[in-house]
Amino acid sequence: MDYVDSKLKERTASLSVISNTALVVLKLVVGFFTGAVSIVSEAAHSAVDLLAALIAFYAVRKADQPPDDNHAYGHGKVENLSGAIEAVLIIVAAIWIVYEAGHKLQGTYVPEFLEYGIVVMLISIVVNYWVSSKLHKVAVQTGSHALEADALHLQADIWTSAGVLIGLVVIKITGLAWIDPVIAILVAGVVFKAGYGMTKKSLYELTDISLPLNEEQIIIDVIKSRTEVISFHQLRTRRSGSRRLIDMHLVLYKDMHLNKAHTVCDQIEAEIKEKLEFCDVVIHLEPCDHEDIDACPLNE
């Protein structure tokens, strides 16, 4: 990861912090003013997004630090850990929303001044759409897991804000107050689902699950395209933050000049990095006689 990408990630993460701070304050003020639990639940959702954005901001700064004596593979796992923490926070927020909505269902209070809530939800949708699009674009460009998670948070917030917006309009027209907590519970369901998906993905990567099959197939195709390679085995892959860690054993003819063998490895590594980006590739060479090809290790 170069200096430019690192600074781009930091600037994008800080944008999310600023936007979420403004939305939390705005939703809380209007939520308590109107008495609409659905708006307060959206404020809680945005508060989780804010905390997630702060975690992401720290994670992208820490993850891009170079390897040191205690972290020979770098600090990329910080991004994966931040994703897991963010996911837990999302689930906690969903439970809190259900709890608050349950109390409101038992009451008879009718929210007031709903036009303010409607305006706030419209602002939230527009802001989160713009910021999440920016986050997603930079996440794809830099391979940042933390920014990807943050973008998913805000995308979920767009849908929940839209649901709350529709509910407020219906309450304004019909006066049916029970719609407010019901919408809040539906919001909690969307939030919980997002949290579960992120928890699953983060835990997989923290436990060094292999890269997706389509990415491993790209690596295999690159290897097989080299006529100098007799076979390969022990292909191992995993992810650390925005980087893919790949290692393998290649079998080459034992009489191949060391310089030629080194060039073959460099070319394979370069092609893998060109197709997947953000890779660390380690290749172990094994020799084989022309007469003993059948005895050489086979492809996995």
Protein backbone atom coordinates (compact mmCIF):
# COMPACT_ATOMS: atom_id res chain seq x y z
CA MET A 1 0.00 0.00 0.00
CA ASP A 2 1.61 3.26 -1.03
CA TYR A 3 1.52 6.62 0.73
CA VAL A 4 -1.16 8.07 -1.57
CA ASP A 5 -3.58 5.17 -0.96
CA SER A 6 -3.01 5.39 2.79
CA LYS A 7 -3.84 9.10 2.89
CA LEU A 8 -6.87 8.56 0.66
CA LYS A 9 -8.21 5.94 3.07
CA GLU A 10 -7.69 8.25 6.05
CA ARG A 11 -9.44 11.20 4.38
CA THR A 12 -12.38 9.02 3.36
CA ALA A 13 -12.71 7.55 6.85
CA SER A 14 -12.67 11.05 8.39
CA LEU A 15 -15.48 12.09 6.01
CA SER A 16 -17.63 9.31 7.45
CA VAL A 17 -16.86 10.46 11.01
CA ILE A 18 -17.93 14.03 10.24
CA SER A 19 -21.17 13.10 8.46
CA ASN A 20 -22.24 10.59 11.12
CA THR A 21 -21.57 13.05 13.94
CA ALA A 22 -23.84 15.62 12.31
CA LEU A 23 -26.60 13.06 11.67
CA VAL A 24 -26.54 11.67 15.23
CA VAL A 25 -26.98 15.14 16.74
CA LEU A 26 -29.71 16.09 14.28
CA LYS A 27 -31.70 12.85 14.71
CA LEU A 28 -31.47 12.91 18.51
CA VAL A 29 -32.67 16.50 18.75
CA VAL A 30 -35.60 15.93 16.37
CA GLY A 31 -36.37 12.46 17.82
CA PHE A 32 -36.78 13.71 21.39
CA PHE A 33 -38.57 16.85 20.21
CA THR A 34 -41.21 14.88 18.28
CA GLY A 35 -41.30 11.88 20.61
CA ALA A 36 -40.97 9.46 17.65
CA VAL A 37 -39.15 6.31 18.75
CA SER A 38 -38.46 5.44 15.10
CA ILE A 39 -36.38 8.63 14.75
CA VAL A 40 -34.60 7.95 18.05
CA SER A 41 -33.86 4.42 16.84
CA GLU A 42 -32.36 5.92 13.68
CA ALA A 43 -30.23 8.17 15.89
CA ALA A 44 -28.99 5.05 17.69
CA HIS A 45 -28.26 3.45 14.33
CA SER A 46 -26.29 6.53 13.26
CA ALA A 47 -24.47 6.52 16.62
CA VAL A 48 -23.33 2.99 15.88
CA ASP A 49 -22.28 4.16 12.43
CA LEU A 50 -20.30 6.97 14.07
CA LEU A 51 -18.53 4.59 16.40
CA ALA A 52 -17.87 2.28 13.46
CA ALA A 53 -16.47 5.21 11.48
CA LEU A 54 -14.13 6.10 14.36
CA ILE A 55 -12.96 2.49 14.56
CA ALA A 56 -12.47 2.41 10.79
CA PHE A 57 -10.47 5.65 10.91
CA TYR A 58 -8.14 4.15 13.52
CA ALA A 59 -7.99 0.82 11.70
CA VAL A 60 -6.94 2.22 8.31
CA ARG A 61 -4.19 4.29 9.95
CA LYS A 62 -2.89 1.34 11.98
CA ALA A 63 -3.26 -1.27 9.23
CA ASP A 64 -1.11 0.68 6.78
CA GLN A 65 1.86 0.88 9.14
CA PRO A 66 4.84 -1.11 7.80
CA PRO A 67 5.88 -4.47 9.33
CA ASP A 68 7.93 -4.32 12.52
CA ASP A 69 9.75 -6.75 14.83
CA ASN A 70 6.48 -7.92 16.41
CA HIS A 71 4.34 -7.90 13.26
CA ALA A 72 6.37 -9.37 10.42
CA TYR A 73 3.27 -9.65 8.22
CA GLY A 74 2.23 -6.06 8.88
CA HIS A 75 -0.83 -4.78 10.74
CA GLY A 76 -3.57 -5.67 8.26
CA LYS A 77 -5.51 -7.79 10.77
CA VAL A 78 -6.43 -4.59 12.59
CA GLU A 79 -8.92 -3.91 9.78
CA ASN A 80 -10.46 -7.37 10.18
CA LEU A 81 -10.68 -6.89 13.95
CA SER A 82 -12.34 -3.50 13.50
CA GLY A 83 -14.96 -5.11 11.28
CA ALA A 84 -15.76 -7.66 14.00
CA ILE A 85 -16.11 -4.94 16.65
CA GLU A 86 -18.35 -2.88 14.39
CA ALA A 87 -20.55 -5.91 13.77
CA VAL A 88 -21.04 -6.52 17.51
CA LEU A 89 -21.96 -2.86 17.98
CA ILE A 90 -24.58 -3.13 15.24
CA ILE A 91 -26.20 -6.15 16.93
CA VAL A 92 -26.26 -4.36 20.31
CA ALA A 93 -27.94 -1.35 18.67
CA ALA A 94 -30.59 -3.60 17.12
CA ILE A 95 -31.43 -5.13 20.51
CA TRP A 96 -31.70 -1.68 22.09
CA ILE A 97 -34.06 -0.48 19.35
CA VAL A 98 -36.38 -3.47 19.92
CA TYR A 99 -36.37 -2.80 23.67
CA GLU A 100 -37.35 0.84 23.24
CA ALA A 101 -39.96 0.05 20.60
CA GLY A 102 -41.55 -2.54 22.90
CA HIS A 103 -42.12 0.11 25.55
CA LYS A 104 -43.66 2.47 23.00
CA LEU A 105 -46.07 -0.24 21.80
CA GLN A 106 -47.51 -0.40 25.32
CA GLY A 107 -48.06 3.36 25.47
CA THR A 108 -50.50 5.73 23.83
CA TYR A 109 -48.26 8.71 23.05
CA VAL A 110 -48.72 10.12 19.55
CA PRO A 111 -45.59 11.73 18.02
CA GLU A 112 -45.88 15.43 17.17
CA PHE A 113 -44.31 17.82 14.65
CA LEU A 114 -43.59 14.91 12.32
CA GLU A 115 -42.70 17.24 9.46
CA TYR A 116 -39.35 17.86 11.18
CA GLY A 117 -38.68 14.15 11.30
CA ILE A 118 -39.60 13.78 7.63
CA VAL A 119 -37.07 16.48 6.66
CA VAL A 120 -34.36 14.89 8.81
CA MET A 121 -34.88 11.48 7.20
CA LEU A 122 -34.62 13.02 3.74
CA ILE A 123 -31.35 14.72 4.73
CA SER A 124 -30.06 11.45 6.19
CA ILE A 125 -30.82 9.50 3.00
CA VAL A 126 -29.06 12.00 0.76
CA VAL A 127 -25.98 12.38 2.98
CA ASN A 128 -25.56 8.65 3.60
CA TYR A 129 -25.99 7.83 -0.09
CA TRP A 130 -23.21 10.24 -1.05
CA VAL A 131 -20.82 9.22 1.75
CA SER A 132 -21.42 5.46 1.35
CA SER A 133 -20.78 5.72 -2.40
CA LYS A 134 -17.50 7.47 -1.70
CA LEU A 135 -16.53 4.89 0.94
CA HIS A 136 -17.36 1.97 -1.34
CA LYS A 137 -15.39 3.45 -4.24
CA VAL A 138 -12.27 3.94 -2.11
CA ALA A 139 -12.72 0.52 -0.45
CA VAL A 140 -12.66 -1.16 -3.86
CA GLN A 141 -9.77 1.00 -5.02
CA THR A 142 -7.61 0.28 -1.95
CA GLY A 143 -8.95 -3.14 -0.87
CA SER A 144 -9.84 -1.76 2.58
CA HIS A 145 -12.01 -4.08 4.69
CA ALA A 146 -12.65 -1.35 7.27
CA LEU A 147 -13.96 1.13 4.70
CA GLU A 148 -16.07 -1.59 3.07
CA ALA A 149 -17.69 -2.34 6.45
CA ASP A 150 -18.31 1.35 7.05
CA ALA A 151 -19.92 1.69 3.62
CA LEU A 152 -22.23 -1.25 4.38
CA HIS A 153 -23.28 0.43 7.62
CA LEU A 154 -24.33 3.58 5.81
CA GLN A 155 -26.09 1.64 3.04
CA ALA A 156 -28.18 -0.12 5.70
CA ASP A 157 -28.89 3.30 7.22
CA ILE A 158 -30.27 4.50 3.88
CA TRP A 159 -32.86 1.73 3.82
CA THR A 160 -33.83 2.13 7.47
CA SER A 161 -34.14 5.91 7.03
CA ALA A 162 -36.37 5.32 4.02
CA GLY A 163 -38.56 3.00 6.10
CA VAL A 164 -38.83 5.54 8.90
CA LEU A 165 -39.61 8.27 6.36
CA ILE A 166 -42.50 6.27 4.90
CA GLY A 167 -43.78 5.49 8.39
CA LEU A 168 -43.72 9.12 9.47
CA VAL A 169 -45.66 10.14 6.37
CA VAL A 170 -48.28 7.45 7.08
CA ILE A 171 -48.59 8.53 10.74
CA LYS A 172 -48.91 12.16 9.66
CA ILE A 173 -51.76 11.24 7.32
CA THR A 174 -53.60 8.62 9.42
CA GLY A 175 -52.65 9.46 13.03
CA LEU A 176 -51.97 5.75 13.75
CA ALA A 177 -49.29 6.01 16.46
CA TRP A 178 -48.62 2.25 16.67
CA ILE A 179 -46.94 2.43 13.26
CA ASP A 180 -43.98 4.30 14.83
CA PRO A 181 -42.68 1.48 17.12
CA VAL A 182 -43.49 -1.18 14.52
CA ILE A 183 -41.26 0.60 12.01
CA ALA A 184 -38.57 0.86 14.69
CA ILE A 185 -38.69 -2.94 15.13
CA LEU A 186 -38.43 -3.44 11.37
CA VAL A 187 -35.42 -1.11 11.38
CA ALA A 188 -33.89 -3.27 14.12
CA GLY A 189 -34.35 -6.35 11.94
CA VAL A 190 -32.44 -4.75 9.06
CA VAL A 191 -29.71 -3.59 11.44
CA PHE A 192 -29.41 -7.03 13.04
CA LYS A 193 -29.13 -8.74 9.66
CA ALA A 194 -26.31 -6.40 8.63
CA GLY A 195 -24.54 -7.05 11.93
CA TYR A 196 -24.83 -10.82 11.56
CA GLY A 197 -23.42 -10.75 8.02
CA MET A 198 -20.48 -8.59 9.07
CA THR A 199 -19.76 -10.75 12.12
CA LYS A 200 -19.64 -13.86 9.96
CA LYS A 201 -17.30 -12.29 7.39
CA SER A 202 -14.98 -10.75 9.99
CA LEU A 203 -14.65 -13.95 12.00
CA TYR A 204 -13.89 -15.93 8.85
CA GLU A 205 -11.04 -13.60 7.96
CA LEU A 206 -9.72 -13.44 11.53
CA THR A 207 -9.49 -17.24 11.52
CA ASP A 208 -7.53 -17.18 8.23
CA ILE A 209 -10.15 -18.65 5.93
CA SER A 210 -8.86 -19.18 2.38
CA LEU A 211 -9.51 -16.67 -0.36
CA PRO A 212 -12.73 -17.16 -2.37
CA LEU A 213 -12.64 -20.01 -4.90
CA ASN A 214 -12.74 -17.64 -7.87
CA GLU A 215 -9.64 -15.81 -6.60
CA GLU A 216 -7.77 -19.07 -5.97
CA GLN A 217 -8.69 -20.18 -9.48
CA ILE A 218 -7.09 -17.01 -10.86
CA ILE A 219 -3.87 -17.93 -9.03
CA ILE A 220 -4.01 -21.51 -10.36
CA ASP A 221 -4.61 -20.30 -13.92
CA VAL A 222 -1.57 -18.01 -13.69
CA ILE A 223 0.61 -20.87 -12.48
CA LYS A 224 -0.60 -23.29 -15.14
CA SER A 225 -0.03 -20.75 -17.89
CA ARG A 226 3.73 -21.00 -17.31
CA THR A 227 5.21 -23.81 -19.42
CA GLU A 228 8.34 -23.88 -17.22
CA VAL A 229 6.30 -25.08 -14.24
CA ILE A 230 6.00 -28.87 -14.00
CA SER A 231 3.47 -28.80 -11.17
CA PHE A 232 2.55 -27.03 -7.93
CA HIS A 233 1.22 -27.99 -4.51
CA GLN A 234 0.58 -26.62 -1.00
CA LEU A 235 -1.15 -23.52 -2.32
CA ARG A 236 -2.22 -21.60 0.77
CA THR A 237 -4.13 -18.32 0.83
CA ARG A 238 -5.60 -15.98 3.41
CA ARG A 239 -6.41 -12.33 3.89
CA SER A 240 -4.96 -9.75 6.27
CA GLY A 241 -6.84 -6.46 6.06
CA SER A 242 -6.61 -5.22 2.49
CA ARG A 243 -3.79 -7.62 1.56
CA ARG A 244 -3.95 -11.18 0.26
CA LEU A 245 -1.24 -13.48 1.59
CA ILE A 246 -0.37 -16.31 -0.82
CA ASP A 247 2.27 -19.02 -0.68
CA MET A 248 2.90 -22.13 -2.79
CA HIS A 249 5.42 -24.78 -3.81
CA LEU A 250 6.44 -24.85 -7.48
CA VAL A 251 8.18 -27.80 -9.12
CA LEU A 252 10.74 -26.90 -11.82
CA TYR A 253 13.39 -28.90 -13.66
CA LYS A 254 16.48 -29.21 -11.48
CA ASP A 255 18.84 -28.26 -14.32
CA MET A 256 17.14 -24.89 -14.85
CA HIS A 257 19.55 -22.03 -14.16
CA LEU A 258 18.88 -20.27 -10.87
CA ASN A 259 18.52 -16.94 -12.64
CA LYS A 260 15.88 -18.40 -14.97
CA ALA A 261 13.98 -19.98 -12.07
CA HIS A 262 14.02 -16.66 -10.22
CA THR A 263 12.66 -14.88 -13.31
CA VAL A 264 9.81 -17.40 -13.62
CA CYS A 265 8.85 -16.78 -9.98
CA ASP A 266 9.00 -13.01 -10.44
CA GLN A 267 6.75 -13.21 -13.50
CA ILE A 268 4.19 -15.40 -11.72
CA GLU A 269 4.18 -13.07 -8.73
CA ALA A 270 3.79 -9.98 -10.93
CA GLU A 271 0.87 -11.49 -12.87
CA ILE A 272 -0.95 -12.54 -9.69
CA LYS A 273 -0.53 -9.03 -8.28
CA GLU A 274 -1.77 -7.51 -11.54
CA LYS A 275 -4.96 -9.58 -11.48
CA LEU A 276 -5.74 -9.55 -7.74
CA GLU A 277 -3.85 -6.49 -6.40
CA PHE A 278 -2.61 -5.99 -2.84
CA CYS A 279 -0.85 -9.36 -2.64
CA ASP A 280 2.15 -10.77 -0.83
CA VAL A 281 3.30 -13.88 -2.71
CA VAL A 282 5.86 -16.37 -1.36
CA ILE A 283 7.10 -19.16 -3.66
CA HIS A 284 9.09 -22.21 -2.56
CA LEU A 285 10.92 -24.01 -5.39
CA GLU A 286 11.37 -27.76 -5.60
CA PRO A 287 13.62 -29.52 -8.18
CA CYS A 288 12.66 -32.44 -10.38
CA ASP A 289 14.59 -34.57 -12.92
CA HIS A 290 13.35 -34.92 -16.49
CA GLU A 291 13.29 -38.67 -15.98
CA ASP A 292 11.34 -38.49 -12.70
CA ILE A 293 8.39 -36.30 -13.68
CA ASP A 294 5.93 -38.99 -12.69
CA ALA A 295 7.38 -39.02 -9.19
CA CYS A 296 7.22 -35.24 -8.74
CA PRO A 297 4.51 -33.77 -6.49
CA LEU A 298 1.22 -33.36 -8.33
CA ASN A 299 -0.97 -30.29 -8.61
CA GLU A 300 -3.47 -29.88 -5.81
